[in-house]
Amino acid sequence: MNFSSFKNIPPIFLYFLSIIAFVLSNLVRDQNMVLYYLLLILGAGFFIFGFFKSRNKRE
């Protein structure tokens, strides 16, 4: 697999995806706990990846 298109995503888009994942996880918290934790981890991953991407961009 070629992840070059994933490397070119701007950090603000990754932050936006993490917010969407956190909001969706909060909406499904009572209905499906597995999906809740999956979206929670996915949102945290997008946020951390966006943070490191923006940090590397400044250097």
C-alpha atoms as a PDB file:
ATOM      1  CA  MET A   1       0.000   0.000   0.000  1.00  0.00           C
ATOM      2  CA  ASN A   2       1.130   3.507  -0.792  1.00  0.00           C
ATOM      3  CA  PHE A   3       0.483   5.970   2.030  1.00  0.00           C
ATOM      4  CA  SER A   4       1.869   9.039   0.276  1.00  0.00           C
ATOM      5  CA  SER A   5      -1.588  10.617   0.040  1.00  0.00           C
ATOM      6  CA  PHE A   6      -2.049  10.111   3.792  1.00  0.00           C
ATOM      7  CA  LYS A   7       1.241  11.900   4.453  1.00  0.00           C
ATOM      8  CA  ASN A   8       0.059  14.979   2.539  1.00  0.00           C
ATOM      9  CA  ILE A   9      -3.039  15.545   4.696  1.00  0.00           C
ATOM     10  CA  PRO A  10      -2.865  18.904   6.504  1.00  0.00           C
ATOM     11  CA  PRO A  11      -2.838  18.745  10.325  1.00  0.00           C
ATOM     12  CA  ILE A  12      -6.050  20.798  10.633  1.00  0.00           C
ATOM     13  CA  PHE A  13      -7.906  18.057   8.741  1.00  0.00           C
ATOM     14  CA  LEU A  14      -6.619  15.453  11.209  1.00  0.00           C
ATOM     15  CA  TYR A  15      -7.786  17.622  14.123  1.00  0.00           C
ATOM     16  CA  PHE A  16     -11.201  17.919  12.449  1.00  0.00           C
ATOM     17  CA  LEU A  17     -11.392  14.138  12.056  1.00  0.00           C
ATOM     18  CA  SER A  18     -10.538  13.678  15.727  1.00  0.00           C
ATOM     19  CA  ILE A  19     -13.330  16.057  16.763  1.00  0.00           C
ATOM     20  CA  ILE A  20     -15.806  14.163  14.580  1.00  0.00           C
ATOM     21  CA  ALA A  21     -14.669  10.846  16.093  1.00  0.00           C
ATOM     22  CA  PHE A  22     -15.031  12.209  19.648  1.00  0.00           C
ATOM     23  CA  VAL A  23     -18.510  13.578  18.963  1.00  0.00           C
ATOM     24  CA  LEU A  24     -19.657  10.327  17.340  1.00  0.00           C
ATOM     25  CA  SER A  25     -18.243   8.307  20.216  1.00  0.00           C
ATOM     26  CA  ASN A  26     -20.183  10.449  22.659  1.00  0.00           C
ATOM     27  CA  LEU A  27     -23.382   9.894  20.659  1.00  0.00           C
ATOM     28  CA  VAL A  28     -23.087   6.091  20.593  1.00  0.00           C
ATOM     29  CA  ARG A  29     -21.824   5.710  24.167  1.00  0.00           C
ATOM     30  CA  ASP A  30     -25.070   4.247  25.538  1.00  0.00           C
ATOM     31  CA  GLN A  31     -25.957   2.066  22.541  1.00  0.00           C
ATOM     32  CA  ASN A  32     -22.678   0.332  21.663  1.00  0.00           C
ATOM     33  CA  MET A  33     -19.673   0.305  24.021  1.00  0.00           C
ATOM     34  CA  VAL A  34     -17.335  -1.400  21.530  1.00  0.00           C
ATOM     35  CA  LEU A  35     -17.948   1.297  18.918  1.00  0.00           C
ATOM     36  CA  TYR A  36     -17.583   3.939  21.638  1.00  0.00           C
ATOM     37  CA  TYR A  37     -14.089   2.772  22.581  1.00  0.00           C
ATOM     38  CA  LEU A  38     -13.104   2.243  18.955  1.00  0.00           C
ATOM     39  CA  LEU A  39     -14.078   5.805  18.033  1.00  0.00           C
ATOM     40  CA  LEU A  40     -12.420   7.136  21.177  1.00  0.00           C
ATOM     41  CA  ILE A  41      -9.107   5.481  20.300  1.00  0.00           C
ATOM     42  CA  LEU A  42      -9.440   6.552  16.659  1.00  0.00           C
ATOM     43  CA  GLY A  43     -10.058  10.162  17.675  1.00  0.00           C
ATOM     44  CA  ALA A  44      -7.076  10.151  20.007  1.00  0.00           C
ATOM     45  CA  GLY A  45      -4.929   8.660  17.242  1.00  0.00           C
ATOM     46  CA  PHE A  46      -5.962  11.333  14.748  1.00  0.00           C
ATOM     47  CA  PHE A  47      -5.233  14.046  17.299  1.00  0.00           C
ATOM     48  CA  ILE A  48      -1.792  12.685  18.193  1.00  0.00           C
ATOM     49  CA  PHE A  49      -0.882  12.128  14.541  1.00  0.00           C
ATOM     50  CA  GLY A  50      -1.971  15.688  13.694  1.00  0.00           C
ATOM     51  CA  PHE A  51       0.026  17.071  16.615  1.00  0.00           C
ATOM     52  CA  PHE A  52       3.213  15.326  15.527  1.00  0.00           C
ATOM     53  CA  LYS A  53       2.617  16.274  11.906  1.00  0.00           C
ATOM     54  CA  SER A  54       2.251  19.972  12.761  1.00  0.00           C
ATOM     55  CA  ARG A  55       5.281  19.784  15.038  1.00  0.00           C
ATOM     56  CA  ASN A  56       7.442  18.264  12.287  1.00  0.00           C
ATOM     57  CA  LYS A  57       6.233  20.850   9.788  1.00  0.00           C
ATOM     58  CA  ARG A  58       7.711  23.707  11.842  1.00  0.00           C
ATOM     59  CA  GLU A  59      11.207  22.201  11.931  1.00  0.00           C
END
